Structures are given as C-alpha cells and as structure tokens.
Amino acid sequence: MRLWHQKLIARLPRQQLLGQHRECCALRGKGWQRPHQTVNYVFNYSPYKLFQYHYLVMAEMIKRGYHPDMKWFDPCYRGQYMTAYPVLAQVDITAPIYPEHNTQYYHACLDNLKRKNIII
C-alpha cells in the first residue's frame, strides 16, 4: 500500500480513501518501523507527521459521512494493541507534509490510479 499524495485525498474514491485510513492506522500501530518499500520514507520523520497526514484522511472521511474512531485524533494513540506514546512532540505542519510527496510523486499516484481505471 502507499500513502497517496495529500492533494489527492479529497478526490479519492471511497475504497481508496477507506484503504488509506486502514493503512495509516496500521502504520501508526504495529506497522511503525516495519519496512515496506512504498512507505519506508515515513519512518525518517516523527510519527507526528503521520498523524498530520492521517488527520487529513479522517477529516475527509467525516466530510463524506464516515465515522472514524475518535481515538485516532489523539496523536499519541497507536491502536488497541499498542501502548500509546507517553508524549509525542508536536511538529510544524509543512506543505506537503512529506517532502517526498512532490510533483513527481503526484503524477506517479495519478498513474497508479489510472492503472486501476480510476481517473482523477
């Protein structure tokens, strides 16, 4: 799985949006620091950046009428099977949240969606 470019979040179809939520939950929980080629870059940053990205996904879910578990809005929460961070220092939000989400990555995401017959 990948983290879609953040500019695409509001335009993702239902399946990809909800899949993105599941991916963020997994990465914030047991998946943190578990290597996976397409998302390894997130481990180069504070887990707070993943929370910032996940927040965008959850805000879009709410906008569409979905109800993500409110526990995920706590940046220290890591899911029901992981101990929460005792403290997680807040980091400034950047645009994009992950520098890897550049123009080239945006187009790669569009191409990936197109291969799934999703035209955005």
PDB file of N, CA and C in Angstrom:
ATOM      1  N   MET A   1       0.855  -1.187   0.000  1.00  0.00           N
ATOM      2  CA  MET A   1       0.000   0.000   0.000  1.00  0.00           C
ATOM      3  C   MET A   1       0.886   1.230   0.000  1.00  0.00           C
ATOM      4  N   ARG A   2       0.320   2.324  -0.403  1.00  0.00           N
ATOM      5  CA  ARG A   2       1.053   3.575  -0.438  1.00  0.00           C
ATOM      6  C   ARG A   2       0.252   4.642   0.271  1.00  0.00           C
ATOM      7  N   LEU A   3       0.931   5.721   0.602  1.00  0.00           N
ATOM      8  CA  LEU A   3       0.217   6.907   1.047  1.00  0.00           C
ATOM      9  C   LEU A   3       0.030   7.753  -0.203  1.00  0.00           C
ATOM     10  N   TRP A   4      -1.204   8.005  -0.560  1.00  0.00           N
ATOM     11  CA  TRP A   4      -1.481   8.821  -1.730  1.00  0.00           C
ATOM     12  C   TRP A   4      -0.992  10.238  -1.484  1.00  0.00           C
ATOM     13  N   HIS A   5      -0.645  10.922  -2.559  1.00  0.00           N
ATOM     14  CA  HIS A   5      -0.246  12.323  -2.441  1.00  0.00           C
ATOM     15  C   HIS A   5      -1.378  13.070  -1.741  1.00  0.00           C
ATOM     16  N   GLN A   6      -1.033  13.935  -0.794  1.00  0.00           N
ATOM     17  CA  GLN A   6      -2.066  14.566   0.034  1.00  0.00           C
ATOM     18  C   GLN A   6      -3.035  15.420  -0.781  1.00  0.00           C
ATOM     19  N   LYS A   7      -2.628  15.917  -1.952  1.00  0.00           N
ATOM     20  CA  LYS A   7      -3.541  16.701  -2.788  1.00  0.00           C
ATOM     21  C   LYS A   7      -4.647  15.834  -3.387  1.00  0.00           C
ATOM     22  N   LEU A   8      -4.471  14.531  -3.361  1.00  0.00           N
ATOM     23  CA  LEU A   8      -5.461  13.618  -3.931  1.00  0.00           C
ATOM     24  C   LEU A   8      -6.483  13.130  -2.912  1.00  0.00           C
ATOM     25  N   ILE A   9      -6.241  13.334  -1.641  1.00  0.00           N
ATOM     26  CA  ILE A   9      -7.096  12.759  -0.602  1.00  0.00           C
ATOM     27  C   ILE A   9      -8.568  13.113  -0.818  1.00  0.00           C
ATOM     28  N   ALA A  10      -8.859  14.365  -1.081  1.00  0.00           N
ATOM     29  CA  ALA A  10     -10.259  14.794  -1.242  1.00  0.00           C
ATOM     30  C   ALA A  10     -10.902  14.235  -2.502  1.00  0.00           C
ATOM     31  N   ARG A  11     -10.096  13.715  -3.421  1.00  0.00           N
ATOM     32  CA  ARG A  11     -10.629  13.228  -4.694  1.00  0.00           C
ATOM     33  C   ARG A  11     -10.606  11.703  -4.797  1.00  0.00           C
ATOM     34  N   LEU A  12     -10.101  11.042  -3.766  1.00  0.00           N
ATOM     35  CA  LEU A  12     -10.020   9.583  -3.817  1.00  0.00           C
ATOM     36  C   LEU A  12     -11.411   8.955  -3.765  1.00  0.00           C
ATOM     37  N   PRO A  13     -11.611   7.897  -4.539  1.00  0.00           N
ATOM     38  CA  PRO A  13     -12.858   7.143  -4.402  1.00  0.00           C
ATOM     39  C   PRO A  13     -12.940   6.508  -3.016  1.00  0.00           C
ATOM     40  N   ARG A  14     -14.137   6.115  -2.650  1.00  0.00           N
ATOM     41  CA  ARG A  14     -14.423   5.537  -1.337  1.00  0.00           C
ATOM     42  C   ARG A  14     -13.421   4.458  -0.943  1.00  0.00           C
ATOM     43  N   GLN A  15     -13.219   3.476  -1.829  1.00  0.00           N
ATOM     44  CA  GLN A  15     -12.363   2.336  -1.500  1.00  0.00           C
ATOM     45  C   GLN A  15     -10.940   2.785  -1.180  1.00  0.00           C
ATOM     46  N   GLN A  16     -10.400   3.711  -1.963  1.00  0.00           N
ATOM     47  CA  GLN A  16      -9.039   4.174  -1.726  1.00  0.00           C
ATOM     48  C   GLN A  16      -8.951   5.038  -0.468  1.00  0.00           C
ATOM     49  N   LEU A  17      -9.970   5.846  -0.211  1.00  0.00           N
ATOM     50  CA  LEU A  17      -9.971   6.678   0.997  1.00  0.00           C
ATOM     51  C   LEU A  17     -10.007   5.813   2.252  1.00  0.00           C
ATOM     52  N   LEU A  18     -10.914   4.847   2.271  1.00  0.00           N
ATOM     53  CA  LEU A  18     -11.016   3.985   3.448  1.00  0.00           C
ATOM     54  C   LEU A  18      -9.778   3.089   3.586  1.00  0.00           C
ATOM     55  N   GLY A  19      -9.217   2.680   2.459  1.00  0.00           N
ATOM     56  CA  GLY A  19      -7.972   1.915   2.492  1.00  0.00           C
ATOM     57  C   GLY A  19      -6.828   2.747   3.049  1.00  0.00           C
ATOM     58  N   GLN A  20      -6.842   4.043   2.723  1.00  0.00           N
ATOM     59  CA  GLN A  20      -5.815   4.932   3.232  1.00  0.00           C
ATOM     60  C   GLN A  20      -5.915   5.065   4.755  1.00  0.00           C
ATOM     61  N   HIS A  21      -7.141   5.120   5.251  1.00  0.00           N
ATOM     62  CA  HIS A  21      -7.351   5.169   6.699  1.00  0.00           C
ATOM     63  C   HIS A  21      -6.790   3.912   7.363  1.00  0.00           C
ATOM     64  N   ARG A  22      -7.099   2.758   6.788  1.00  0.00           N
ATOM     65  CA  ARG A  22      -6.591   1.497   7.352  1.00  0.00           C
ATOM     66  C   ARG A  22      -5.059   1.463   7.319  1.00  0.00           C
ATOM     67  N   GLU A  23      -4.478   1.947   6.225  1.00  0.00           N
ATOM     68  CA  GLU A  23      -3.026   1.970   6.121  1.00  0.00           C
ATOM     69  C   GLU A  23      -2.411   2.882   7.186  1.00  0.00           C
ATOM     70  N   CYS A  24      -3.005   4.047   7.382  1.00  0.00           N
ATOM     71  CA  CYS A  24      -2.497   4.971   8.405  1.00  0.00           C
ATOM     72  C   CYS A  24      -2.609   4.350   9.798  1.00  0.00           C
ATOM     73  N   CYS A  25      -3.732   3.700  10.079  1.00  0.00           N
ATOM     74  CA  CYS A  25      -3.905   3.041  11.378  1.00  0.00           C
ATOM     75  C   CYS A  25      -2.833   1.971  11.579  1.00  0.00           C
ATOM     76  N   ALA A  26      -2.605   1.182  10.541  1.00  0.00           N
ATOM     77  CA  ALA A  26      -1.603   0.120  10.638  1.00  0.00           C
ATOM     78  C   ALA A  26      -0.211   0.708  10.858  1.00  0.00           C
ATOM     79  N   LEU A  27       0.121   1.744  10.097  1.00  0.00           N
ATOM     80  CA  LEU A  27       1.439   2.357  10.244  1.00  0.00           C
ATOM     81  C   LEU A  27       1.616   2.999  11.611  1.00  0.00           C
ATOM     82  N   ARG A  28       0.577   3.609  12.125  1.00  0.00           N
ATOM     83  CA  ARG A  28       0.672   4.244  13.441  1.00  0.00           C
ATOM     84  C   ARG A  28       0.762   3.209  14.553  1.00  0.00           C
ATOM     85  N   GLY A  29       0.278   2.019  14.301  1.00  0.00           N
ATOM     86  CA  GLY A  29       0.279   0.961  15.303  1.00  0.00           C
ATOM     87  C   GLY A  29       1.440   0.004  15.118  1.00  0.00           C
ATOM     88  N   LYS A  30       1.121  -1.259  14.905  1.00  0.00           N
ATOM     89  CA  LYS A  30       2.147  -2.300  14.815  1.00  0.00           C
ATOM     90  C   LYS A  30       3.061  -2.152  13.605  1.00  0.00           C
ATOM     91  N   GLY A  31       2.630  -1.396  12.618  1.00  0.00           N
ATOM     92  CA  GLY A  31       3.438  -1.252  11.415  1.00  0.00           C
ATOM     93  C   GLY A  31       4.549  -0.228  11.514  1.00  0.00           C
ATOM     94  N   TRP A  32       4.594   0.525  12.630  1.00  0.00           N
ATOM     95  CA  TRP A  32       5.624   1.557  12.753  1.00  0.00           C
ATOM     96  C   TRP A  32       7.013   0.915  12.746  1.00  0.00           C
ATOM     97  N   GLN A  33       7.861   1.383  11.861  1.00  0.00           N
ATOM     98  CA  GLN A  33       9.236   0.905  11.659  1.00  0.00           C
ATOM     99  C   GLN A  33       9.312  -0.486  11.027  1.00  0.00           C
ATOM    100  N   ARG A  34       8.206  -0.990  10.526  1.00  0.00           N
ATOM    101  CA  ARG A  34       8.240  -2.261   9.799  1.00  0.00           C
ATOM    102  C   ARG A  34       8.409  -1.936   8.317  1.00  0.00           C
ATOM    103  N   PRO A  35       9.517  -2.340   7.743  1.00  0.00           N
ATOM    104  CA  PRO A  35       9.832  -1.935   6.375  1.00  0.00           C
ATOM    105  C   PRO A  35       8.781  -2.358   5.346  1.00  0.00           C
ATOM    106  N   HIS A  36       8.468  -1.439   4.474  1.00  0.00           N
ATOM    107  CA  HIS A  36       7.629  -1.694   3.310  1.00  0.00           C
ATOM    108  C   HIS A  36       8.053  -0.681   2.262  1.00  0.00           C
ATOM    109  N   GLN A  37       8.493  -1.154   1.136  1.00  0.00           N
ATOM    110  CA  GLN A  37       9.149  -0.337   0.133  1.00  0.00           C
ATOM    111  C   GLN A  37       8.423   0.980  -0.170  1.00  0.00           C
ATOM    112  N   THR A  38       7.111   0.955  -0.288  1.00  0.00           N
ATOM    113  CA  THR A  38       6.410   2.163  -0.731  1.00  0.00           C
ATOM    114  C   THR A  38       6.177   3.185   0.366  1.00  0.00           C
ATOM    115  N   VAL A  39       6.357   2.810   1.631  1.00  0.00           N
ATOM    116  CA  VAL A  39       6.110   3.770   2.713  1.00  0.00           C
ATOM    117  C   VAL A  39       7.291   3.951   3.657  1.00  0.00           C
ATOM    118  N   ASN A  40       8.427   3.389   3.325  1.00  0.00           N
ATOM    119  CA  ASN A  40       9.589   3.481   4.221  1.00  0.00           C
ATOM    120  C   ASN A  40       9.959   4.914   4.570  1.00  0.00           C
ATOM    121  N   TYR A  41       9.722   5.850   3.686  1.00  0.00           N
ATOM    122  CA  TYR A  41      10.115   7.237   3.945  1.00  0.00           C
ATOM    123  C   TYR A  41       9.435   7.811   5.181  1.00  0.00           C
ATOM    124  N   VAL A  42       8.261   7.329   5.556  1.00  0.00           N
ATOM    125  CA  VAL A  42       7.577   7.892   6.729  1.00  0.00           C
ATOM    126  C   VAL A  42       8.379   7.665   8.003  1.00  0.00           C
ATOM    127  N   PHE A  43       9.207   6.625   8.016  1.00  0.00           N
ATOM    128  CA  PHE A  43       9.979   6.308   9.214  1.00  0.00           C
ATOM    129  C   PHE A  43      11.175   7.241   9.400  1.00  0.00           C
ATOM    130  N   ASN A  44      11.438   8.086   8.415  1.00  0.00           N
ATOM    131  CA  ASN A  44      12.517   9.071   8.527  1.00  0.00           C
ATOM    132  C   ASN A  44      12.075  10.317   9.287  1.00  0.00           C
ATOM    133  N   TYR A  45      10.811  10.360   9.673  1.00  0.00           N
ATOM    134  CA  TYR A  45      10.232  11.542  10.307  1.00  0.00           C
ATOM    135  C   TYR A  45       9.561  11.151  11.618  1.00  0.00           C
ATOM    136  N   SER A  46       9.219  12.152  12.378  1.00  0.00           N
ATOM    137  CA  SER A  46       8.470  11.933  13.615  1.00  0.00           C
ATOM    138  C   SER A  46       7.132  11.263  13.296  1.00  0.00           C
ATOM    139  N   PRO A  47       6.679  10.365  14.160  1.00  0.00           N
ATOM    140  CA  PRO A  47       5.346   9.788  13.983  1.00  0.00           C
ATOM    141  C   PRO A  47       4.253  10.869  13.963  1.00  0.00           C
ATOM    142  N   TYR A  48       4.581  12.048  14.461  1.00  0.00           N
ATOM    143  CA  TYR A  48       3.595  13.135  14.454  1.00  0.00           C
ATOM    144  C   TYR A  48       3.245  13.540  13.032  1.00  0.00           C
ATOM    145  N   LYS A  49       4.174  13.426  12.098  1.00  0.00           N
ATOM    146  CA  LYS A  49       3.884  13.751  10.702  1.00  0.00           C
ATOM    147  C   LYS A  49       2.860  12.760  10.133  1.00  0.00           C
ATOM    148  N   LEU A  50       2.972  11.500  10.509  1.00  0.00           N
ATOM    149  CA  LEU A  50       1.985  10.514  10.070  1.00  0.00           C
ATOM    150  C   LEU A  50       0.624  10.860  10.644  1.00  0.00           C
ATOM    151  N   PHE A  51       0.594  11.308  11.890  1.00  0.00           N
ATOM    152  CA  PHE A  51      -0.667  11.762  12.481  1.00  0.00           C
ATOM    153  C   PHE A  51      -1.244  12.920  11.658  1.00  0.00           C
ATOM    154  N   GLN A  52      -0.407  13.873  11.274  1.00  0.00           N
ATOM    155  CA  GLN A  52      -0.883  15.013  10.474  1.00  0.00           C
ATOM    156  C   GLN A  52      -1.502  14.547   9.165  1.00  0.00           C
ATOM    157  N   TYR A  53      -0.847  13.609   8.511  1.00  0.00           N
ATOM    158  CA  TYR A  53      -1.368  13.066   7.256  1.00  0.00           C
ATOM    159  C   TYR A  53      -2.687  12.321   7.518  1.00  0.00           C
ATOM    160  N   HIS A  54      -2.688  11.484   8.537  1.00  0.00           N
ATOM    161  CA  HIS A  54      -3.873  10.700   8.882  1.00  0.00           C
ATOM    162  C   HIS A  54      -5.047  11.620   9.211  1.00  0.00           C
ATOM    163  N   TYR A  55      -4.751  12.724   9.856  1.00  0.00           N
ATOM    164  CA  TYR A  55      -5.791  13.702  10.194  1.00  0.00           C
ATOM    165  C   TYR A  55      -6.495  14.191   8.924  1.00  0.00           C
ATOM    166  N   LEU A  56      -5.733  14.461   7.864  1.00  0.00           N
ATOM    167  CA  LEU A  56      -6.338  14.883   6.596  1.00  0.00           C
ATOM    168  C   LEU A  56      -7.277  13.807   6.054  1.00  0.00           C
ATOM    169  N   VAL A  57      -6.838  12.562   6.160  1.00  0.00           N
ATOM    170  CA  VAL A  57      -7.660  11.440   5.693  1.00  0.00           C
ATOM    171  C   VAL A  57      -8.944  11.355   6.516  1.00  0.00           C
ATOM    172  N   MET A  58      -8.833  11.436   7.831  1.00  0.00           N
ATOM    173  CA  MET A  58     -10.015  11.330   8.696  1.00  0.00           C
ATOM    174  C   MET A  58     -10.954  12.518   8.507  1.00  0.00           C
ATOM    175  N   ALA A  59     -10.411  13.705   8.289  1.00  0.00           N
ATOM    176  CA  ALA A  59     -11.260  14.883   8.041  1.00  0.00           C
ATOM    177  C   ALA A  59     -12.072  14.686   6.769  1.00  0.00           C
ATOM    178  N   GLU A  60     -11.458  14.110   5.743  1.00  0.00           N
ATOM    179  CA  GLU A  60     -12.189  13.826   4.501  1.00  0.00           C
ATOM    180  C   GLU A  60     -13.239  12.741   4.736  1.00  0.00           C
ATOM    181  N   MET A  61     -12.919  11.754   5.546  1.00  0.00           N
ATOM    182  CA  MET A  61     -13.901  10.709   5.859  1.00  0.00           C
ATOM    183  C   MET A  61     -15.127  11.327   6.526  1.00  0.00           C
ATOM    184  N   ILE A  62     -14.899  12.189   7.497  1.00  0.00           N
ATOM    185  CA  ILE A  62     -16.011  12.835   8.202  1.00  0.00           C
ATOM    186  C   ILE A  62     -16.834  13.679   7.232  1.00  0.00           C
ATOM    187  N   LYS A  63     -16.145  14.385   6.356  1.00  0.00           N
ATOM    188  CA  LYS A  63     -16.820  15.207   5.351  1.00  0.00           C
ATOM    189  C   LYS A  63     -17.760  14.366   4.490  1.00  0.00           C
ATOM    190  N   ARG A  64     -17.388  13.107   4.261  1.00  0.00           N
ATOM    191  CA  ARG A  64     -18.196  12.204   3.430  1.00  0.00           C
ATOM    192  C   ARG A  64     -19.201  11.393   4.240  1.00  0.00           C
ATOM    193  N   GLY A  65     -19.245  11.616   5.550  1.00  0.00           N
ATOM    194  CA  GLY A  65     -20.238  10.932   6.369  1.00  0.00           C
ATOM    195  C   GLY A  65     -19.756   9.675   7.062  1.00  0.00           C
ATOM    196  N   TYR A  66     -18.479   9.391   7.000  1.00  0.00           N
ATOM    197  CA  TYR A  66     -17.928   8.237   7.705  1.00  0.00           C
ATOM    198  C   TYR A  66     -17.575   8.641   9.136  1.00  0.00           C
ATOM    199  N   HIS A  67     -17.396   7.651   9.986  1.00  0.00           N
ATOM    200  CA  HIS A  67     -17.172   7.913  11.407  1.00  0.00           C
ATOM    201  C   HIS A  67     -15.921   7.179  11.908  1.00  0.00           C
ATOM    202  N   PRO A  68     -14.729   7.739  11.638  1.00  0.00           N
ATOM    203  CA  PRO A  68     -13.528   7.082  12.173  1.00  0.00           C
ATOM    204  C   PRO A  68     -13.534   7.156  13.699  1.00  0.00           C
ATOM    205  N   ASP A  69     -12.938   6.164  14.320  1.00  0.00           N
ATOM    206  CA  ASP A  69     -12.851   6.137  15.780  1.00  0.00           C
ATOM    207  C   ASP A  69     -12.134   7.401  16.246  1.00  0.00           C
ATOM    208  N   MET A  70     -12.754   8.133  17.137  1.00  0.00           N
ATOM    209  CA  MET A  70     -12.212   9.408  17.610  1.00  0.00           C
ATOM    210  C   MET A  70     -10.878   9.246  18.332  1.00  0.00           C
ATOM    211  N   LYS A  71     -10.566   8.044  18.785  1.00  0.00           N
ATOM    212  CA  LYS A  71      -9.284   7.810  19.450  1.00  0.00           C
ATOM    213  C   LYS A  71      -8.110   8.153  18.530  1.00  0.00           C
ATOM    214  N   TRP A  72      -8.310   7.976  17.206  1.00  0.00           N
ATOM    215  CA  TRP A  72      -7.231   8.242  16.260  1.00  0.00           C
ATOM    216  C   TRP A  72      -6.911   9.727  16.145  1.00  0.00           C
ATOM    217  N   PHE A  73      -7.765  10.596  16.671  1.00  0.00           N
ATOM    218  CA  PHE A  73      -7.489  12.030  16.642  1.00  0.00           C
ATOM    219  C   PHE A  73      -6.512  12.446  17.742  1.00  0.00           C
ATOM    220  N   ASP A  74      -6.113  11.510  18.581  1.00  0.00           N
ATOM    221  CA  ASP A  74      -5.067  11.734  19.584  1.00  0.00           C
ATOM    222  C   ASP A  74      -3.745  11.326  18.933  1.00  0.00           C
ATOM    223  N   PRO A  75      -2.804  12.254  18.751  1.00  0.00           N
ATOM    224  CA  PRO A  75      -1.552  11.903  18.075  1.00  0.00           C
ATOM    225  C   PRO A  75      -0.744  10.817  18.781  1.00  0.00           C
ATOM    226  N   CYS A  76      -0.979  10.597  20.054  1.00  0.00           N
ATOM    227  CA  CYS A  76      -0.237   9.580  20.808  1.00  0.00           C
ATOM    228  C   CYS A  76      -0.854   8.189  20.677  1.00  0.00           C
ATOM    229  N   TYR A  77      -2.088   8.106  20.195  1.00  0.00           N
ATOM    230  CA  TYR A  77      -2.789   6.821  20.091  1.00  0.00           C
ATOM    231  C   TYR A  77      -2.143   5.953  19.020  1.00  0.00           C
ATOM    232  N   ARG A  78      -1.991   4.662  19.332  1.00  0.00           N
ATOM    233  CA  ARG A  78      -1.347   3.727  18.407  1.00  0.00           C
ATOM    234  C   ARG A  78      -2.197   2.489  18.144  1.00  0.00           C
ATOM    235  N   GLY A  79      -3.462   2.565  18.466  1.00  0.00           N
ATOM    236  CA  GLY A  79      -4.333   1.419  18.249  1.00  0.00           C
ATOM    237  C   GLY A  79      -4.506   0.612  19.518  1.00  0.00           C
ATOM    238  N   GLN A  80      -5.441  -0.326  19.463  1.00  0.00           N
ATOM    239  CA  GLN A  80      -5.799  -1.061  20.676  1.00  0.00           C
ATOM    240  C   GLN A  80      -4.738  -2.064  21.115  1.00  0.00           C
ATOM    241  N   TYR A  81      -3.812  -2.412  20.228  1.00  0.00           N
ATOM    242  CA  TYR A  81      -2.809  -3.415  20.595  1.00  0.00           C
ATOM    243  C   TYR A  81      -1.429  -2.832  20.899  1.00  0.00           C
ATOM    244  N   MET A  82      -1.311  -1.528  20.815  1.00  0.00           N
ATOM    245  CA  MET A  82      -0.024  -0.882  21.054  1.00  0.00           C
ATOM    246  C   MET A  82      -0.169   0.136  22.176  1.00  0.00           C
ATOM    247  N   THR A  83       0.878   0.266  22.971  1.00  0.00           N
ATOM    248  CA  THR A  83       0.884   1.275  24.025  1.00  0.00           C
ATOM    249  C   THR A  83       1.025   2.643  23.383  1.00  0.00           C
ATOM    250  N   ALA A  84       0.217   3.575  23.849  1.00  0.00           N
ATOM    251  CA  ALA A  84       0.277   4.939  23.314  1.00  0.00           C
ATOM    252  C   ALA A  84       1.634   5.560  23.633  1.00  0.00           C
ATOM    253  N   TYR A  85       2.040   6.497  22.793  1.00  0.00           N
ATOM    254  CA  TYR A  85       3.243   7.256  23.122  1.00  0.00           C
ATOM    255  C   TYR A  85       2.958   8.036  24.397  1.00  0.00           C
ATOM    256  N   PRO A  86       3.874   8.040  25.368  1.00  0.00           N
ATOM    257  CA  PRO A  86       3.630   8.832  26.577  1.00  0.00           C
ATOM    258  C   PRO A  86       3.579  10.326  26.231  1.00  0.00           C
ATOM    259  N   VAL A  87       4.455  10.719  25.323  1.00  0.00           N
ATOM    260  CA  VAL A  87       4.498  12.094  24.835  1.00  0.00           C
ATOM    261  C   VAL A  87       4.966  12.029  23.388  1.00  0.00           C
ATOM    262  N   LEU A  88       4.367  12.821  22.556  1.00  0.00           N
ATOM    263  CA  LEU A  88       4.804  12.908  21.171  1.00  0.00           C
ATOM    264  C   LEU A  88       4.895  14.386  20.832  1.00  0.00           C
ATOM    265  N   ALA A  89       6.099  14.854  20.678  1.00  0.00           N
ATOM    266  CA  ALA A  89       6.309  16.282  20.427  1.00  0.00           C
ATOM    267  C   ALA A  89       5.637  16.699  19.129  1.00  0.00           C
ATOM    268  N   GLN A  90       4.901  17.774  19.211  1.00  0.00           N
ATOM    269  CA  GLN A  90       4.233  18.320  18.036  1.00  0.00           C
ATOM    270  C   GLN A  90       5.288  18.893  17.088  1.00  0.00           C
ATOM    271  N   VAL A  91       5.098  18.669  15.801  1.00  0.00           N
ATOM    272  CA  VAL A  91       5.984  19.273  14.803  1.00  0.00           C
ATOM    273  C   VAL A  91       5.144  20.148  13.894  1.00  0.00           C
ATOM    274  N   ASP A  92       5.758  21.185  13.377  1.00  0.00           N
ATOM    275  CA  ASP A  92       5.035  22.089  12.479  1.00  0.00           C
ATOM    276  C   ASP A  92       4.588  21.334  11.243  1.00  0.00           C
ATOM    277  N   ILE A  93       3.405  21.681  10.781  1.00  0.00           N
ATOM    278  CA  ILE A  93       2.911  21.084   9.544  1.00  0.00           C
ATOM    279  C   ILE A  93       3.597  21.779   8.375  1.00  0.00           C
ATOM    280  N   THR A  94       3.978  20.995   7.405  1.00  0.00           N
ATOM    281  CA  THR A  94       4.637  21.514   6.214  1.00  0.00           C
ATOM    282  C   THR A  94       3.758  21.224   5.011  1.00  0.00           C
ATOM    283  N   ALA A  95       4.040  21.880   3.916  1.00  0.00           N
ATOM    284  CA  ALA A  95       3.284  21.644   2.691  1.00  0.00           C
ATOM    285  C   ALA A  95       4.269  21.281   1.586  1.00  0.00           C
ATOM    286  N   PRO A  96       4.277  20.052   1.183  1.00  0.00           N
ATOM    287  CA  PRO A  96       3.463  18.937   1.661  1.00  0.00           C
ATOM    288  C   PRO A  96       3.969  18.417   3.016  1.00  0.00           C
ATOM    289  N   ILE A  97       3.155  17.600   3.637  1.00  0.00           N
ATOM    290  CA  ILE A  97       3.542  17.039   4.936  1.00  0.00           C
ATOM    291  C   ILE A  97       4.837  16.242   4.798  1.00  0.00           C
ATOM    292  N   TYR A  98       4.896  15.415   3.748  1.00  0.00           N
ATOM    293  CA  TYR A  98       6.118  14.666   3.458  1.00  0.00           C
ATOM    294  C   TYR A  98       6.765  15.257   2.216  1.00  0.00           C
ATOM    295  N   PRO A  99       8.030  15.657   2.295  1.00  0.00           N
ATOM    296  CA  PRO A  99       8.687  16.239   1.119  1.00  0.00           C
ATOM    297  C   PRO A  99       8.717  15.277  -0.068  1.00  0.00           C
ATOM    298  N   GLU A 100       8.630  14.001   0.192  1.00  0.00           N
ATOM    299  CA  GLU A 100       8.600  13.009  -0.894  1.00  0.00           C
ATOM    300  C   GLU A 100       7.347  13.156  -1.752  1.00  0.00           C
ATOM    301  N   HIS A 101       6.322  13.799  -1.207  1.00  0.00           N
ATOM    302  CA  HIS A 101       5.075  13.990  -1.946  1.00  0.00           C
ATOM    303  C   HIS A 101       5.205  15.228  -2.839  1.00  0.00           C
ATOM    304  N   ASN A 102       6.124  15.140  -3.788  1.00  0.00           N
ATOM    305  CA  ASN A 102       6.389  16.238  -4.703  1.00  0.00           C
ATOM    306  C   ASN A 102       5.583  16.046  -5.996  1.00  0.00           C
ATOM    307  N   THR A 103       5.846  16.869  -6.982  1.00  0.00           N
ATOM    308  CA  THR A 103       5.107  16.798  -8.248  1.00  0.00           C
ATOM    309  C   THR A 103       5.285  15.452  -8.929  1.00  0.00           C
ATOM    310  N   GLN A 104       6.499  14.933  -8.888  1.00  0.00           N
ATOM    311  CA  GLN A 104       6.758  13.624  -9.498  1.00  0.00           C
ATOM    312  C   GLN A 104       5.926  12.537  -8.801  1.00  0.00           C
ATOM    313  N   TYR A 105       5.874  12.581  -7.492  1.00  0.00           N
ATOM    314  CA  TYR A 105       5.091  11.599  -6.727  1.00  0.00           C
ATOM    315  C   TYR A 105       3.596  11.752  -7.035  1.00  0.00           C
ATOM    316  N   TYR A 106       3.142  12.980  -7.155  1.00  0.00           N
ATOM    317  CA  TYR A 106       1.740  13.260  -7.505  1.00  0.00           C
ATOM    318  C   TYR A 106       1.385  12.556  -8.812  1.00  0.00           C
ATOM    319  N   HIS A 107       2.224  12.726  -9.822  1.00  0.00           N
ATOM    320  CA  HIS A 107       1.958  12.103 -11.127  1.00  0.00           C
ATOM    321  C   HIS A 107       2.079  10.585 -11.057  1.00  0.00           C
ATOM    322  N   ALA A 108       2.983  10.086 -10.239  1.00  0.00           N
ATOM    323  CA  ALA A 108       3.095   8.633 -10.057  1.00  0.00           C
ATOM    324  C   ALA A 108       1.813   8.085  -9.427  1.00  0.00           C
ATOM    325  N   CYS A 109       1.246   8.818  -8.482  1.00  0.00           N
ATOM    326  CA  CYS A 109      -0.010   8.398  -7.857  1.00  0.00           C
ATOM    327  C   CYS A 109      -1.149   8.416  -8.873  1.00  0.00           C
ATOM    328  N   LEU A 110      -1.204   9.458  -9.694  1.00  0.00           N
ATOM    329  CA  LEU A 110      -2.239   9.527 -10.741  1.00  0.00           C
ATOM    330  C   LEU A 110      -2.102   8.348 -11.699  1.00  0.00           C
ATOM    331  N   ASP A 111      -0.872   8.016 -12.083  1.00  0.00           N
ATOM    332  CA  ASP A 111      -0.644   6.869 -12.968  1.00  0.00           C
ATOM    333  C   ASP A 111      -1.068   5.569 -12.296  1.00  0.00           C
ATOM    334  N   ASN A 112      -0.768   5.436 -11.015  1.00  0.00           N
ATOM    335  CA  ASN A 112      -1.153   4.250 -10.265  1.00  0.00           C
ATOM    336  C   ASN A 112      -2.678   4.106 -10.244  1.00  0.00           C
ATOM    337  N   LEU A 113      -3.366   5.208  -9.997  1.00  0.00           N
ATOM    338  CA  LEU A 113      -4.838   5.178 -10.001  1.00  0.00           C
ATOM    339  C   LEU A 113      -5.380   4.853 -11.374  1.00  0.00           C
ATOM    340  N   LYS A 114      -4.755   5.417 -12.392  1.00  0.00           N
ATOM    341  CA  LYS A 114      -5.197   5.177 -13.768  1.00  0.00           C
ATOM    342  C   LYS A 114      -5.101   3.690 -14.116  1.00  0.00           C
ATOM    343  N   ARG A 115      -4.039   3.022 -13.627  1.00  0.00           N
ATOM    344  CA  ARG A 115      -3.904   1.577 -13.849  1.00  0.00           C
ATOM    345  C   ARG A 115      -5.024   0.796 -13.172  1.00  0.00           C
ATOM    346  N   LYS A 116      -5.667   1.407 -12.206  1.00  0.00           N
ATOM    347  CA  LYS A 116      -6.806   0.781 -11.525  1.00  0.00           C
ATOM    348  C   LYS A 116      -8.124   1.265 -12.157  1.00  0.00           C
ATOM    349  N   ASN A 117      -8.011   1.919 -13.310  1.00  0.00           N
ATOM    350  CA  ASN A 117      -9.173   2.501 -14.020  1.00  0.00           C
ATOM    351  C   ASN A 117      -9.863   3.591 -13.209  1.00  0.00           C
ATOM    352  N   ILE A 118      -9.093   4.317 -12.432  1.00  0.00           N
ATOM    353  CA  ILE A 118      -9.607   5.452 -11.663  1.00  0.00           C
ATOM    354  C   ILE A 118      -8.965   6.701 -12.254  1.00  0.00           C
ATOM    355  N   ILE A 119      -9.789   7.528 -12.874  1.00  0.00           N
ATOM    356  CA  ILE A 119      -9.300   8.750 -13.494  1.00  0.00           C
ATOM    357  C   ILE A 119      -9.696   9.915 -12.610  1.00  0.00           C
ATOM    358  N   ILE A 120      -8.681  10.639 -12.161  1.00  0.00           N
ATOM    359  CA  ILE A 120      -8.921  11.815 -11.304  1.00  0.00           C
ATOM    360  C   ILE A 120      -8.432  13.047 -12.056  1.00  0.00           C
TER     361      ILE A 120
END
